[in-house]
């Protein structure tokens, strides 16, 4: 077996991102990410706020990539219905949901005070 070049390794990683990006949920999460960035630009996030928002965006999208990979692997191993396959897929999807909710709370802590100041300040 030959060693992959660094370039081909990055190519495989980008292929994985492209595959996940075809998923409906990834597109929805990416839409929220774009909205969070636009709102941050408009409201003037400081460096710490950008770091936290960026980390949340990265973790949600990474969780979605892992969820997509796990679903594909489970489908390969268990093409017919299996309760354990369902549990694995549901738990992977649940991890994305947990991080999405956590990210919404972070966004609320960062953006709500600024929005209140803009509209009611």
N, C-alpha and C. Protein backbone atom coordinates (compact mmCIF):
# COMPACT_ATOMS: atom_id res chain seq x y z
N UNK A 1 0.85 -1.17 0.00
CA UNK A 1 0.00 0.00 0.00
C UNK A 1 0.90 1.24 0.00
N UNK A 2 0.61 2.18 -0.88
CA UNK A 2 1.42 3.39 -0.97
C UNK A 2 0.87 4.47 -0.05
N UNK A 3 1.74 5.38 0.32
CA UNK A 3 1.32 6.51 1.16
C UNK A 3 0.66 7.55 0.28
N UNK A 4 -0.41 8.10 0.79
CA UNK A 4 -1.10 9.16 0.05
C UNK A 4 -0.31 10.44 0.20
N UNK A 5 -0.34 11.23 -0.85
CA UNK A 5 0.27 12.54 -0.73
C UNK A 5 -0.64 13.44 0.10
N UNK A 6 -0.06 14.48 0.65
CA UNK A 6 -0.83 15.43 1.43
C UNK A 6 -1.93 16.04 0.58
N UNK A 7 -1.60 16.33 -0.67
CA UNK A 7 -2.58 16.93 -1.58
C UNK A 7 -3.77 15.99 -1.79
N UNK A 8 -3.50 14.71 -2.01
CA UNK A 8 -4.61 13.79 -2.23
C UNK A 8 -5.43 13.59 -0.95
N UNK A 9 -4.78 13.65 0.21
CA UNK A 9 -5.51 13.56 1.47
C UNK A 9 -6.48 14.72 1.62
N UNK A 10 -6.00 15.93 1.29
CA UNK A 10 -6.89 17.09 1.33
C UNK A 10 -8.01 16.94 0.31
N UNK A 11 -7.69 16.37 -0.86
CA UNK A 11 -8.70 16.14 -1.88
C UNK A 11 -9.81 15.24 -1.38
N UNK A 12 -9.43 14.16 -0.68
CA UNK A 12 -10.44 13.26 -0.12
C UNK A 12 -11.30 13.98 0.93
N UNK A 13 -10.64 14.81 1.74
CA UNK A 13 -11.39 15.55 2.77
C UNK A 13 -12.38 16.50 2.10
N UNK A 14 -11.95 17.20 1.07
CA UNK A 14 -12.87 18.11 0.37
C UNK A 14 -14.00 17.34 -0.32
N UNK A 15 -13.70 16.14 -0.82
CA UNK A 15 -14.76 15.30 -1.38
C UNK A 15 -15.80 14.96 -0.32
N UNK A 16 -15.34 14.68 0.89
CA UNK A 16 -16.26 14.38 1.98
C UNK A 16 -17.14 15.58 2.31
N UNK A 17 -16.54 16.77 2.33
CA UNK A 17 -17.32 17.98 2.60
C UNK A 17 -18.34 18.20 1.49
N UNK A 18 -17.92 18.01 0.24
CA UNK A 18 -18.86 18.17 -0.88
C UNK A 18 -20.02 17.18 -0.77
N UNK A 19 -19.72 15.96 -0.36
CA UNK A 19 -20.77 14.96 -0.20
C UNK A 19 -21.76 15.39 0.89
N UNK A 20 -21.24 15.82 2.02
CA UNK A 20 -22.12 16.26 3.11
C UNK A 20 -22.90 17.50 2.70
N UNK A 21 -22.28 18.37 1.91
CA UNK A 21 -22.93 19.63 1.50
C UNK A 21 -24.13 19.38 0.60
N UNK A 22 -24.25 18.20 0.04
CA UNK A 22 -25.43 17.87 -0.79
C UNK A 22 -26.64 17.54 0.07
N UNK A 23 -26.41 17.31 1.35
CA UNK A 23 -27.50 16.96 2.27
C UNK A 23 -28.32 18.21 2.61
N UNK A 24 -29.62 18.04 2.68
CA UNK A 24 -30.52 19.15 3.00
C UNK A 24 -30.15 19.83 4.31
N UNK A 25 -29.90 19.05 5.35
CA UNK A 25 -29.62 19.64 6.65
C UNK A 25 -28.32 20.45 6.64
N UNK A 26 -27.32 20.00 5.91
CA UNK A 26 -26.07 20.75 5.81
C UNK A 26 -26.35 22.11 5.17
N UNK A 27 -27.18 22.12 4.15
CA UNK A 27 -27.52 23.39 3.49
C UNK A 27 -28.25 24.33 4.45
N UNK A 28 -29.15 23.78 5.25
CA UNK A 28 -29.87 24.59 6.23
C UNK A 28 -28.88 25.16 7.25
N UNK A 29 -28.00 24.31 7.76
CA UNK A 29 -27.02 24.76 8.75
C UNK A 29 -26.07 25.79 8.15
N UNK A 30 -25.71 25.61 6.90
CA UNK A 30 -24.85 26.58 6.23
C UNK A 30 -25.59 27.92 6.07
N UNK A 31 -26.89 27.87 5.81
CA UNK A 31 -27.68 29.09 5.74
C UNK A 31 -27.68 29.84 7.06
N UNK A 32 -27.83 29.11 8.17
CA UNK A 32 -27.76 29.75 9.49
C UNK A 32 -26.36 30.32 9.75
N UNK A 33 -25.34 29.62 9.28
CA UNK A 33 -23.98 30.11 9.45
C UNK A 33 -23.78 31.44 8.71
N UNK A 34 -24.27 31.50 7.48
CA UNK A 34 -24.17 32.74 6.70
C UNK A 34 -24.93 33.86 7.41
N UNK A 35 -26.10 33.55 7.93
CA UNK A 35 -26.89 34.55 8.66
C UNK A 35 -26.15 35.02 9.91
N UNK A 36 -25.52 34.10 10.63
CA UNK A 36 -24.77 34.47 11.83
C UNK A 36 -23.59 35.38 11.50
N UNK A 37 -22.91 35.08 10.40
CA UNK A 37 -21.78 35.91 9.97
C UNK A 37 -22.27 37.29 9.55
N UNK A 38 -23.33 37.34 8.76
CA UNK A 38 -23.87 38.63 8.31
C UNK A 38 -24.32 39.47 9.50
N UNK A 39 -24.98 38.83 10.46
CA UNK A 39 -25.43 39.54 11.65
C UNK A 39 -24.24 40.05 12.46
N UNK A 40 -23.22 39.23 12.55
CA UNK A 40 -22.02 39.63 13.28
C UNK A 40 -21.31 40.81 12.63
N UNK A 41 -21.28 40.82 11.32
CA UNK A 41 -20.69 41.97 10.61
C UNK A 41 -21.51 43.22 10.88
N UNK A 42 -22.83 43.10 10.76
CA UNK A 42 -23.71 44.24 10.97
C UNK A 42 -23.62 44.79 12.40
N UNK A 43 -23.56 43.87 13.38
CA UNK A 43 -23.56 44.28 14.78
C UNK A 43 -22.15 44.55 15.34
N UNK A 44 -21.13 44.27 14.55
CA UNK A 44 -19.76 44.57 14.97
C UNK A 44 -19.21 43.65 16.04
N UNK A 45 -19.24 42.35 15.79
CA UNK A 45 -18.67 41.40 16.74
C UNK A 45 -17.21 41.74 17.03
N UNK A 46 -16.81 41.51 18.29
CA UNK A 46 -15.38 41.64 18.60
C UNK A 46 -14.69 40.31 18.33
N UNK A 47 -13.39 40.27 18.51
CA UNK A 47 -12.61 39.07 18.15
C UNK A 47 -13.05 37.83 18.94
N UNK A 48 -13.34 37.99 20.21
CA UNK A 48 -13.78 36.85 21.02
C UNK A 48 -15.12 36.32 20.52
N UNK A 49 -16.03 37.22 20.21
CA UNK A 49 -17.32 36.79 19.70
C UNK A 49 -17.17 36.08 18.36
N UNK A 50 -16.28 36.59 17.49
CA UNK A 50 -16.04 35.91 16.22
C UNK A 50 -15.47 34.52 16.44
N UNK A 51 -14.58 34.40 17.41
CA UNK A 51 -13.98 33.09 17.69
C UNK A 51 -15.05 32.09 18.14
N UNK A 52 -15.93 32.53 19.02
CA UNK A 52 -16.97 31.64 19.53
C UNK A 52 -17.96 31.27 18.43
N UNK A 53 -18.40 32.26 17.66
CA UNK A 53 -19.34 31.99 16.56
C UNK A 53 -18.69 31.06 15.53
N UNK A 54 -17.43 31.32 15.19
CA UNK A 54 -16.72 30.46 14.21
C UNK A 54 -16.60 29.03 14.72
N UNK A 55 -16.29 28.89 15.99
CA UNK A 55 -16.18 27.55 16.57
C UNK A 55 -17.52 26.83 16.52
N UNK A 56 -18.59 27.52 16.87
CA UNK A 56 -19.92 26.90 16.81
C UNK A 56 -20.26 26.46 15.38
N UNK A 57 -20.01 27.34 14.42
CA UNK A 57 -20.28 27.00 13.02
C UNK A 57 -19.48 25.77 12.61
N UNK A 58 -18.20 25.77 12.93
CA UNK A 58 -17.34 24.65 12.57
C UNK A 58 -17.77 23.34 13.20
N UNK A 59 -18.16 23.39 14.46
CA UNK A 59 -18.56 22.15 15.15
C UNK A 59 -19.87 21.62 14.58
N UNK A 60 -20.84 22.50 14.32
CA UNK A 60 -22.12 22.03 13.75
C UNK A 60 -21.88 21.39 12.39
N UNK A 61 -21.12 22.05 11.52
CA UNK A 61 -20.88 21.49 10.19
C UNK A 61 -20.05 20.21 10.25
N UNK A 62 -19.10 20.15 11.18
CA UNK A 62 -18.31 18.92 11.34
C UNK A 62 -19.19 17.79 11.86
N UNK A 63 -20.08 18.09 12.81
CA UNK A 63 -21.02 17.06 13.30
C UNK A 63 -21.88 16.54 12.16
N UNK A 64 -22.31 17.44 11.28
CA UNK A 64 -23.14 17.02 10.14
C UNK A 64 -22.34 16.12 9.20
N UNK A 65 -21.06 16.42 9.00
CA UNK A 65 -20.21 15.55 8.17
C UNK A 65 -20.08 14.16 8.80
N UNK A 66 -19.85 14.11 10.10
CA UNK A 66 -19.75 12.82 10.80
C UNK A 66 -21.07 12.08 10.72
N UNK A 67 -22.18 12.79 10.89
CA UNK A 67 -23.50 12.17 10.79
C UNK A 67 -23.69 11.56 9.39
N UNK A 68 -23.34 12.29 8.36
CA UNK A 68 -23.47 11.78 6.99
C UNK A 68 -22.60 10.55 6.79
N UNK A 69 -21.38 10.59 7.30
CA UNK A 69 -20.47 9.44 7.17
C UNK A 69 -21.02 8.23 7.90
N UNK A 70 -21.51 8.44 9.11
CA UNK A 70 -22.04 7.32 9.89
C UNK A 70 -23.26 6.71 9.21
N UNK A 71 -24.14 7.58 8.68
CA UNK A 71 -25.32 7.05 7.99
C UNK A 71 -24.91 6.21 6.78
N UNK A 72 -23.92 6.67 6.03
CA UNK A 72 -23.47 5.90 4.85
C UNK A 72 -22.87 4.57 5.28
N UNK A 73 -22.05 4.57 6.33
CA UNK A 73 -21.43 3.33 6.80
C UNK A 73 -22.48 2.35 7.32
N UNK A 74 -23.46 2.86 8.06
CA UNK A 74 -24.51 2.00 8.58
C UNK A 74 -25.33 1.42 7.43
N UNK A 75 -25.66 2.24 6.44
CA UNK A 75 -26.41 1.74 5.29
C UNK A 75 -25.63 0.67 4.53
N UNK A 76 -24.31 0.82 4.46
CA UNK A 76 -23.48 -0.19 3.79
C UNK A 76 -23.50 -1.50 4.56
N UNK A 77 -23.37 -1.41 5.86
CA UNK A 77 -23.28 -2.61 6.71
C UNK A 77 -24.65 -3.26 6.89
N UNK A 78 -25.69 -2.43 6.98
CA UNK A 78 -27.03 -2.94 7.27
C UNK A 78 -28.05 -2.31 6.33
N UNK A 79 -28.09 -2.78 5.07
CA UNK A 79 -29.01 -2.16 4.10
C UNK A 79 -30.48 -2.35 4.45
N UNK A 80 -30.81 -3.42 5.14
CA UNK A 80 -32.20 -3.60 5.55
C UNK A 80 -32.37 -3.03 6.96
N UNK A 81 -33.63 -2.82 7.36
CA UNK A 81 -33.90 -2.21 8.66
C UNK A 81 -33.32 -3.06 9.78
N UNK A 82 -32.68 -2.37 10.72
CA UNK A 82 -32.15 -3.02 11.90
C UNK A 82 -32.27 -2.02 13.05
N UNK A 83 -32.77 -2.45 14.17
CA UNK A 83 -32.98 -1.54 15.30
C UNK A 83 -31.66 -0.91 15.78
N UNK A 84 -30.57 -1.68 15.76
CA UNK A 84 -29.28 -1.12 16.17
C UNK A 84 -28.79 -0.07 15.17
N UNK A 85 -29.05 -0.30 13.89
CA UNK A 85 -28.69 0.70 12.88
C UNK A 85 -29.48 1.98 13.11
N UNK A 86 -30.76 1.83 13.44
CA UNK A 86 -31.59 3.01 13.74
C UNK A 86 -31.03 3.79 14.92
N UNK A 87 -30.64 3.08 15.97
CA UNK A 87 -30.08 3.74 17.15
C UNK A 87 -28.82 4.52 16.77
N UNK A 88 -27.94 3.90 16.01
CA UNK A 88 -26.70 4.57 15.61
C UNK A 88 -26.99 5.83 14.81
N UNK A 89 -27.90 5.73 13.84
CA UNK A 89 -28.24 6.89 13.01
C UNK A 89 -28.93 7.98 13.82
N UNK A 90 -29.84 7.59 14.70
CA UNK A 90 -30.56 8.56 15.52
C UNK A 90 -29.61 9.28 16.47
N UNK A 91 -28.69 8.56 17.06
CA UNK A 91 -27.73 9.19 17.97
C UNK A 91 -26.81 10.16 17.24
N UNK A 92 -26.38 9.79 16.04
CA UNK A 92 -25.54 10.69 15.25
C UNK A 92 -26.31 11.96 14.89
N UNK A 93 -27.56 11.80 14.47
CA UNK A 93 -28.39 12.96 14.17
C UNK A 93 -28.63 13.79 15.43
N UNK A 94 -28.80 13.12 16.55
CA UNK A 94 -29.00 13.81 17.82
C UNK A 94 -27.81 14.67 18.21
N UNK A 95 -26.60 14.22 17.88
CA UNK A 95 -25.41 15.01 18.21
C UNK A 95 -25.41 16.33 17.44
N UNK A 96 -25.88 16.28 16.20
CA UNK A 96 -25.98 17.51 15.41
C UNK A 96 -27.01 18.44 16.03
N UNK A 97 -28.14 17.87 16.42
CA UNK A 97 -29.21 18.67 17.02
C UNK A 97 -28.75 19.32 18.33
N UNK A 98 -28.06 18.57 19.17
CA UNK A 98 -27.55 19.11 20.43
C UNK A 98 -26.63 20.30 20.17
N UNK A 99 -25.70 20.14 19.25
CA UNK A 99 -24.77 21.23 18.96
C UNK A 99 -25.47 22.40 18.30
N UNK A 100 -26.48 22.13 17.49
CA UNK A 100 -27.24 23.22 16.87
C UNK A 100 -27.96 24.04 17.92
N UNK A 101 -28.58 23.36 18.90
CA UNK A 101 -29.24 24.10 19.98
C UNK A 101 -28.23 24.87 20.82
N UNK A 102 -27.10 24.26 21.12
CA UNK A 102 -26.06 24.97 21.87
C UNK A 102 -25.61 26.21 21.11
N UNK A 103 -25.48 26.09 19.80
CA UNK A 103 -25.07 27.23 18.98
C UNK A 103 -26.13 28.33 18.98
N UNK A 104 -27.40 27.93 19.00
CA UNK A 104 -28.47 28.93 19.09
C UNK A 104 -28.40 29.69 20.42
N UNK A 105 -28.10 28.98 21.50
CA UNK A 105 -27.94 29.66 22.79
C UNK A 105 -26.76 30.63 22.76
N UNK A 106 -25.65 30.20 22.17
CA UNK A 106 -24.49 31.09 22.04
C UNK A 106 -24.86 32.32 21.23
N UNK A 107 -25.55 32.11 20.12
CA UNK A 107 -25.98 33.24 19.29
C UNK A 107 -26.89 34.18 20.07
N UNK A 108 -27.78 33.62 20.86
CA UNK A 108 -28.67 34.46 21.67
C UNK A 108 -27.87 35.30 22.67
N UNK A 109 -26.90 34.69 23.33
CA UNK A 109 -26.08 35.43 24.30
C UNK A 109 -25.29 36.55 23.62
N UNK A 110 -24.83 36.29 22.42
CA UNK A 110 -24.01 37.30 21.72
C UNK A 110 -24.87 38.35 21.04
N UNK A 111 -25.93 37.92 20.35
CA UNK A 111 -26.66 38.85 19.49
C UNK A 111 -27.85 39.54 20.15
N UNK A 112 -28.54 38.88 21.07
CA UNK A 112 -29.73 39.51 21.64
C UNK A 112 -29.44 40.84 22.34
N UNK A 113 -28.42 40.94 23.20
CA UNK A 113 -28.15 42.24 23.82
C UNK A 113 -27.86 43.33 22.79
N UNK A 114 -27.14 42.98 21.74
CA UNK A 114 -26.83 43.95 20.69
C UNK A 114 -28.08 44.35 19.92
N UNK A 115 -28.93 43.38 19.60
CA UNK A 115 -30.16 43.69 18.89
C UNK A 115 -31.10 44.54 19.74
N UNK A 116 -31.18 44.25 21.02
CA UNK A 116 -32.01 45.06 21.91
C UNK A 116 -31.49 46.50 21.95
N UNK A 117 -30.17 46.63 22.00
CA UNK A 117 -29.58 47.99 22.02
C UNK A 117 -29.87 48.75 20.72
N UNK A 118 -29.82 48.04 19.60
CA UNK A 118 -30.06 48.68 18.31
C UNK A 118 -31.52 49.12 18.19
N UNK A 119 -32.44 48.26 18.57
CA UNK A 119 -33.85 48.55 18.35
C UNK A 119 -34.54 49.28 19.50
N UNK A 120 -34.02 49.12 20.71
CA UNK A 120 -34.69 49.72 21.87
C UNK A 120 -33.78 50.62 22.68
N UNK A 121 -32.51 50.72 22.27
CA UNK A 121 -31.52 51.44 23.06
C UNK A 121 -31.55 52.88 22.89
